[in-house]
Amino acid sequence: MSKLYASISSDASRTEATRRGHKHISTHTRGRQLGVRVDAGLDHNGREVFEVYVTSGSGFGAADDLIGRVAIHDGYRYFFPVMPSDERRSREQARWLAEEERTA
């Protein structure tokens, strides 16, 4: 019996596509420059864990970056952000966002 399920719908299709997985399932929703990949799997106790990645979309740019995990802890659903390993990159991202805000 499958423990993991994925479904997708869009304005270009009349029907919803579904997939199932026993131990792992992965989805990637993307544009040309940006995307999100979610890998779902079971931990050592058989509980679902979802890892969320930001991707460069279909443009084949930089490698995917893990931004967080979604899991159940003490009966509650949580998003656990993953701290960036490169603090310089975080400062650069903050600068880009500030520039974007000024030009908007």
Protein backbone atom coordinates (compact mmCIF):
# COMPACT_ATOMS: atom_id res chain seq x y z
CA MET A 1 0.00 0.00 0.00
CA SER A 2 1.31 3.44 -0.93
CA LYS A 3 1.98 5.95 1.82
CA LEU A 4 2.82 8.95 -0.39
CA TYR A 5 0.68 10.62 -3.04
CA ALA A 6 1.16 13.53 -5.43
CA SER A 7 -1.32 15.34 -7.62
CA ILE A 8 -1.05 18.20 -10.08
CA SER A 9 -3.56 20.29 -11.94
CA SER A 10 -3.13 23.17 -14.37
CA ASP A 11 -5.07 25.45 -16.64
CA ALA A 12 -3.66 23.54 -19.67
CA SER A 13 -5.25 20.23 -18.70
CA ARG A 14 -8.79 19.14 -17.94
CA THR A 15 -7.85 16.30 -15.63
CA GLU A 16 -5.67 16.07 -12.55
CA ALA A 17 -2.58 13.85 -12.79
CA THR A 18 -1.72 11.73 -9.76
CA ARG A 19 1.19 9.54 -8.70
CA ARG A 20 1.85 7.36 -5.70
CA GLY A 21 5.00 6.16 -3.98
CA HIS A 22 5.77 3.59 -1.35
CA LYS A 23 8.92 5.15 0.18
CA HIS A 24 9.72 8.25 -1.90
CA ILE A 25 8.08 10.73 -4.26
CA SER A 26 9.40 13.96 -5.77
CA THR A 27 7.72 16.90 -7.50
CA HIS A 28 9.23 19.89 -9.31
CA THR A 29 7.08 22.89 -10.20
CA ARG A 30 9.01 25.46 -12.19
CA GLY A 31 9.10 28.41 -14.48
CA ARG A 32 12.03 29.38 -16.69
CA GLN A 33 14.15 30.93 -13.93
CA LEU A 34 12.69 29.75 -10.63
CA GLY A 35 11.18 26.60 -9.24
CA VAL A 36 10.37 24.57 -6.15
CA ARG A 37 11.15 20.89 -5.71
CA VAL A 38 9.61 18.86 -2.90
CA ASP A 39 11.04 15.46 -2.01
CA ALA A 40 8.78 13.36 0.20
CA GLY A 41 9.93 10.29 2.03
CA LEU A 42 9.60 8.28 5.20
CA ASP A 43 11.97 8.68 8.15
CA HIS A 44 13.35 5.76 10.18
CA ASN A 45 10.07 5.64 12.16
CA GLY A 46 7.89 5.53 9.03
CA ARG A 47 6.68 9.14 9.40
CA GLU A 48 6.42 11.44 6.42
CA VAL A 49 9.14 14.06 5.94
CA PHE A 50 9.14 16.62 3.13
CA GLU A 51 12.28 18.47 2.00
CA VAL A 52 11.70 21.77 0.13
CA TYR A 53 14.28 23.03 -2.37
CA VAL A 54 14.46 26.22 -4.41
CA THR A 55 15.64 25.53 -7.97
CA SER A 56 16.73 27.51 -11.00
CA GLY A 57 13.67 26.36 -12.90
CA SER A 58 14.02 24.92 -16.36
CA GLY A 59 16.95 27.23 -17.12
CA PHE A 60 19.50 24.72 -15.76
CA GLY A 61 21.30 27.26 -13.58
CA ALA A 62 22.73 26.75 -10.12
CA ALA A 63 22.22 23.60 -8.09
CA ASP A 64 19.09 23.19 -5.98
CA ASP A 65 19.23 24.67 -2.46
CA LEU A 66 17.49 22.99 0.46
CA ILE A 67 15.46 25.69 2.23
CA GLY A 68 13.56 23.62 4.77
CA ARG A 69 11.80 20.50 5.92
CA VAL A 70 8.17 19.86 6.79
CA ALA A 71 7.45 17.22 9.39
CA ILE A 72 5.17 16.33 12.26
CA HIS A 73 6.58 16.86 15.74
CA ASP A 74 4.53 16.12 18.86
CA GLY A 75 1.40 15.87 16.72
CA TYR A 76 1.86 19.30 15.09
CA ARG A 77 2.92 20.15 11.54
CA TYR A 78 6.09 22.25 11.34
CA PHE A 79 8.27 23.90 8.73
CA PHE A 80 11.90 23.76 9.83
CA PRO A 81 13.99 26.27 7.85
CA VAL A 82 17.50 25.19 6.93
CA MET A 83 20.12 27.79 7.71
CA PRO A 84 22.30 28.71 4.72
CA SER A 85 25.80 27.33 4.97
CA ASP A 86 27.27 30.41 3.31
CA GLU A 87 26.50 33.59 5.25
CA ARG A 88 27.99 35.72 2.46
CA ARG A 89 25.30 34.41 0.15
CA SER A 90 22.63 35.38 2.68
CA ARG A 91 23.95 38.94 2.86
CA GLU A 92 24.02 39.09 -0.94
CA GLN A 93 20.43 37.88 -1.12
CA ALA A 94 19.33 40.52 1.42
CA ARG A 95 21.05 43.18 -0.70
CA TRP A 96 19.25 41.98 -3.85
CA LEU A 97 15.89 42.02 -2.09
CA ALA A 98 16.54 45.53 -0.76
CA GLU A 99 17.45 46.74 -4.27
CA GLU A 100 14.31 45.13 -5.67
CA GLU A 101 12.19 46.85 -3.02
CA ARG A 102 13.70 50.26 -3.84
CA THR A 103 13.00 49.87 -7.57
CA ALA A 104 9.43 48.60 -7.09
